[in-house]
N, C-alpha and C. Protein backbone atom coordinates (compact mmCIF):
# COMPACT_ATOMS: atom_id res chain seq x y z
N MET A 1 16.27 -56.82 88.31
CA MET A 1 17.14 -56.17 87.35
C MET A 1 16.81 -54.67 87.33
N PRO A 2 17.82 -53.82 87.60
CA PRO A 2 17.60 -52.37 87.61
C PRO A 2 17.26 -51.85 86.21
N VAL A 3 16.41 -50.85 86.20
CA VAL A 3 15.98 -50.25 84.94
C VAL A 3 16.64 -48.88 84.80
N GLY A 4 17.20 -48.59 83.66
CA GLY A 4 17.81 -47.30 83.40
C GLY A 4 19.15 -47.48 82.72
N THR A 5 19.69 -46.37 82.26
CA THR A 5 21.00 -46.42 81.64
C THR A 5 22.07 -46.56 82.71
N ARG A 6 23.25 -46.86 82.28
CA ARG A 6 24.37 -47.02 83.21
C ARG A 6 24.62 -45.71 83.97
N LEU A 7 24.55 -44.58 83.28
CA LEU A 7 24.79 -43.29 83.92
C LEU A 7 23.69 -42.99 84.94
N SER A 8 22.42 -43.25 84.60
CA SER A 8 21.35 -42.96 85.55
C SER A 8 21.46 -43.86 86.78
N LEU A 9 21.93 -45.07 86.61
CA LEU A 9 22.12 -45.95 87.76
C LEU A 9 23.27 -45.47 88.63
N GLN A 10 24.32 -44.96 88.02
CA GLN A 10 25.44 -44.41 88.80
C GLN A 10 25.00 -43.16 89.56
N LEU A 11 24.21 -42.31 88.93
CA LEU A 11 23.76 -41.08 89.58
C LEU A 11 22.71 -41.34 90.66
N ALA A 12 22.15 -42.55 90.68
CA ALA A 12 21.22 -42.88 91.75
C ALA A 12 21.93 -42.97 93.09
N ASP A 13 23.25 -43.20 93.08
CA ASP A 13 24.06 -43.25 94.28
C ASP A 13 24.30 -41.83 94.76
N PHE A 14 24.01 -41.54 96.03
CA PHE A 14 24.17 -40.20 96.55
C PHE A 14 25.62 -39.72 96.48
N GLY A 15 26.57 -40.61 96.73
CA GLY A 15 27.98 -40.21 96.70
C GLY A 15 28.40 -39.74 95.32
N THR A 16 27.93 -40.40 94.27
CA THR A 16 28.24 -39.98 92.90
C THR A 16 27.63 -38.63 92.61
N ARG A 17 26.36 -38.43 93.01
CA ARG A 17 25.72 -37.13 92.79
C ARG A 17 26.47 -36.04 93.54
N SER A 18 26.93 -36.35 94.74
CA SER A 18 27.67 -35.37 95.53
C SER A 18 28.97 -34.98 94.85
N LEU A 19 29.70 -35.96 94.30
CA LEU A 19 30.93 -35.67 93.59
C LEU A 19 30.69 -34.80 92.37
N VAL A 20 29.61 -35.09 91.63
CA VAL A 20 29.28 -34.29 90.45
C VAL A 20 28.95 -32.86 90.86
N THR A 21 28.16 -32.71 91.91
CA THR A 21 27.78 -31.37 92.38
C THR A 21 28.99 -30.58 92.84
N HIS A 22 29.89 -31.22 93.58
CA HIS A 22 31.09 -30.54 94.03
C HIS A 22 32.02 -30.17 92.86
N ALA A 23 32.08 -31.01 91.85
CA ALA A 23 32.88 -30.69 90.66
C ALA A 23 32.29 -29.48 89.95
N LEU A 24 30.96 -29.40 89.84
CA LEU A 24 30.32 -28.23 89.22
C LEU A 24 30.56 -26.98 90.05
N MET A 25 30.54 -27.11 91.37
CA MET A 25 30.81 -25.95 92.23
C MET A 25 32.25 -25.46 92.05
N ALA A 26 33.18 -26.41 91.98
CA ALA A 26 34.57 -26.03 91.76
C ALA A 26 34.76 -25.33 90.42
N GLY A 27 34.11 -25.86 89.39
CA GLY A 27 34.16 -25.20 88.07
C GLY A 27 33.57 -23.80 88.08
N GLY A 28 32.46 -23.64 88.77
CA GLY A 28 31.84 -22.31 88.88
C GLY A 28 32.73 -21.33 89.62
N PHE A 29 33.39 -21.79 90.68
CA PHE A 29 34.28 -20.89 91.43
C PHE A 29 35.51 -20.52 90.61
N VAL A 30 36.06 -21.49 89.90
CA VAL A 30 37.21 -21.20 89.03
C VAL A 30 36.79 -20.22 87.93
N GLY A 31 35.59 -20.40 87.38
CA GLY A 31 35.09 -19.46 86.38
C GLY A 31 34.97 -18.06 86.95
N ALA A 32 34.51 -17.94 88.20
CA ALA A 32 34.40 -16.63 88.83
C ALA A 32 35.76 -15.97 89.01
N VAL A 33 36.73 -16.73 89.44
CA VAL A 33 38.07 -16.17 89.64
C VAL A 33 38.68 -15.76 88.30
N VAL A 34 38.56 -16.61 87.28
CA VAL A 34 39.14 -16.31 85.98
C VAL A 34 38.50 -15.07 85.35
N THR A 35 37.16 -15.00 85.36
CA THR A 35 36.52 -13.84 84.77
C THR A 35 36.78 -12.59 85.59
N GLY A 36 36.87 -12.72 86.91
CA GLY A 36 37.17 -11.56 87.75
C GLY A 36 38.55 -11.00 87.49
N LEU A 37 39.50 -11.88 87.17
CA LEU A 37 40.87 -11.42 86.95
C LEU A 37 41.17 -11.00 85.51
N PHE A 38 40.54 -11.65 84.54
CA PHE A 38 40.97 -11.47 83.17
C PHE A 38 39.96 -10.81 82.24
N VAL A 39 38.72 -10.65 82.64
CA VAL A 39 37.73 -10.01 81.79
C VAL A 39 37.54 -8.58 82.29
N GLU A 40 37.71 -7.64 81.39
CA GLU A 40 37.69 -6.21 81.76
C GLU A 40 36.27 -5.66 81.81
N GLY A 41 36.11 -4.63 82.58
CA GLY A 41 34.89 -3.83 82.58
C GLY A 41 33.69 -4.47 83.23
N GLN A 42 32.54 -3.96 82.81
CA GLN A 42 31.29 -4.38 83.40
C GLN A 42 30.94 -5.85 83.04
N VAL A 43 31.38 -6.28 81.87
CA VAL A 43 31.12 -7.67 81.48
C VAL A 43 31.83 -8.62 82.45
N GLY A 44 33.03 -8.31 82.82
CA GLY A 44 33.76 -9.13 83.79
C GLY A 44 33.11 -9.14 85.15
N THR A 45 32.63 -7.99 85.59
CA THR A 45 31.96 -7.90 86.88
C THR A 45 30.67 -8.72 86.90
N VAL A 46 29.87 -8.56 85.85
CA VAL A 46 28.60 -9.28 85.77
C VAL A 46 28.84 -10.79 85.64
N SER A 47 29.82 -11.18 84.84
CA SER A 47 30.13 -12.61 84.69
C SER A 47 30.62 -13.22 85.98
N MET A 48 31.47 -12.48 86.71
CA MET A 48 31.96 -12.97 87.99
C MET A 48 30.81 -13.14 88.98
N ALA A 49 29.91 -12.18 89.03
CA ALA A 49 28.76 -12.27 89.93
C ALA A 49 27.85 -13.46 89.55
N ALA A 50 27.69 -13.69 88.25
CA ALA A 50 26.87 -14.81 87.79
C ALA A 50 27.49 -16.14 88.20
N PHE A 51 28.81 -16.27 88.04
CA PHE A 51 29.47 -17.51 88.44
C PHE A 51 29.39 -17.72 89.95
N ILE A 52 29.55 -16.66 90.72
CA ILE A 52 29.46 -16.76 92.17
C ILE A 52 28.04 -17.17 92.58
N ASN A 53 27.03 -16.58 91.96
CA ASN A 53 25.65 -16.93 92.27
C ASN A 53 25.34 -18.37 91.89
N PHE A 54 25.86 -18.83 90.76
CA PHE A 54 25.69 -20.22 90.34
C PHE A 54 26.30 -21.17 91.37
N THR A 55 27.52 -20.85 91.80
CA THR A 55 28.20 -21.69 92.79
C THR A 55 27.45 -21.69 94.11
N ALA A 56 26.98 -20.53 94.54
CA ALA A 56 26.22 -20.45 95.80
C ALA A 56 24.92 -21.24 95.71
N GLY A 57 24.25 -21.19 94.58
CA GLY A 57 23.03 -21.96 94.40
C GLY A 57 23.28 -23.45 94.48
N LEU A 58 24.36 -23.90 93.86
CA LEU A 58 24.72 -25.33 93.95
C LEU A 58 25.05 -25.73 95.39
N TRP A 59 25.72 -24.82 96.10
CA TRP A 59 26.08 -25.10 97.49
C TRP A 59 24.83 -25.26 98.36
N ILE A 60 23.86 -24.39 98.15
CA ILE A 60 22.60 -24.48 98.90
C ILE A 60 21.86 -25.77 98.54
N CYS A 61 21.81 -26.10 97.26
CA CYS A 61 21.14 -27.34 96.83
C CYS A 61 21.83 -28.57 97.44
N GLN A 62 23.14 -28.57 97.44
CA GLN A 62 23.89 -29.71 98.01
C GLN A 62 23.63 -29.80 99.51
N SER A 63 23.57 -28.67 100.20
CA SER A 63 23.32 -28.68 101.63
C SER A 63 21.94 -29.24 101.95
N ILE A 64 20.93 -28.80 101.22
CA ILE A 64 19.58 -29.31 101.43
C ILE A 64 19.51 -30.80 101.09
N HIS A 65 20.16 -31.17 100.00
CA HIS A 65 20.16 -32.57 99.59
C HIS A 65 20.86 -33.45 100.64
N SER A 66 21.94 -32.94 101.23
CA SER A 66 22.64 -33.70 102.27
C SER A 66 21.79 -33.86 103.51
N LEU A 67 21.02 -32.83 103.87
CA LEU A 67 20.14 -32.92 105.02
C LEU A 67 19.07 -33.99 104.80
N GLY A 68 18.55 -34.06 103.58
CA GLY A 68 17.56 -35.08 103.25
C GLY A 68 18.18 -36.47 103.26
N ASN A 69 19.42 -36.57 102.85
CA ASN A 69 20.09 -37.87 102.82
C ASN A 69 20.46 -38.35 104.22
N ALA A 70 20.60 -37.44 105.18
CA ALA A 70 20.97 -37.82 106.54
C ALA A 70 19.90 -38.68 107.20
N ALA A 71 18.66 -38.55 106.75
CA ALA A 71 17.56 -39.32 107.34
C ALA A 71 17.55 -40.76 106.84
N THR A 72 18.31 -41.06 105.80
CA THR A 72 18.33 -42.43 105.25
C THR A 72 19.42 -43.25 105.93
N ASP A 73 19.49 -44.50 105.60
CA ASP A 73 20.52 -45.38 106.15
C ASP A 73 21.77 -45.44 105.27
N ASP A 74 21.92 -44.45 104.40
CA ASP A 74 23.06 -44.41 103.49
C ASP A 74 24.35 -44.21 104.29
N GLU A 75 25.44 -44.75 103.80
CA GLU A 75 26.72 -44.68 104.50
C GLU A 75 27.57 -43.49 104.04
N TYR A 76 26.96 -42.49 103.47
CA TYR A 76 27.69 -41.31 102.98
C TYR A 76 28.24 -40.52 104.16
N GLN A 77 29.57 -40.21 104.14
CA GLN A 77 30.22 -39.50 105.24
C GLN A 77 30.91 -38.23 104.76
N GLY A 78 30.52 -37.69 103.63
CA GLY A 78 31.13 -36.47 103.14
C GLY A 78 31.88 -36.70 101.85
N VAL A 79 32.09 -35.62 101.13
CA VAL A 79 32.70 -35.72 99.81
C VAL A 79 34.16 -36.13 99.89
N LEU A 80 34.88 -35.71 100.92
CA LEU A 80 36.29 -36.10 101.02
C LEU A 80 36.45 -37.60 101.26
N LYS A 81 35.62 -38.17 102.12
CA LYS A 81 35.64 -39.63 102.32
C LYS A 81 35.24 -40.36 101.04
N GLU A 82 34.31 -39.77 100.29
CA GLU A 82 33.87 -40.38 99.04
C GLU A 82 35.01 -40.41 98.03
N ILE A 83 35.76 -39.34 97.96
CA ILE A 83 36.92 -39.32 97.04
C ILE A 83 37.97 -40.31 97.47
N LEU A 84 38.26 -40.38 98.78
CA LEU A 84 39.23 -41.33 99.26
C LEU A 84 38.83 -42.79 99.02
N ASN A 85 37.53 -43.08 99.12
CA ASN A 85 37.05 -44.42 98.86
C ASN A 85 37.18 -44.80 97.39
N ARG A 86 37.14 -43.83 96.50
CA ARG A 86 37.19 -44.11 95.07
C ARG A 86 38.60 -44.12 94.51
N VAL A 87 39.56 -43.62 95.26
CA VAL A 87 40.94 -43.55 94.77
C VAL A 87 41.71 -44.77 95.19
């Protein structure tokens, strides 16, 4: 019998973690575009740079995590295949 909450058991699956990470990256990029277009002055510039840096950090983490997952026998074939399998 697995131990943990339902959410922690779902996040134990690499595909679910990958979907969550990609959703956060998409949100960060949308935040960068919105603040870059609609927030004036230095606050907009700094906010846009922060969102871009957040998105880049998540991208690097996802890349490293994917490299580590490649050594396992997991059947993960990328986020697009994961979305298609769930739809």
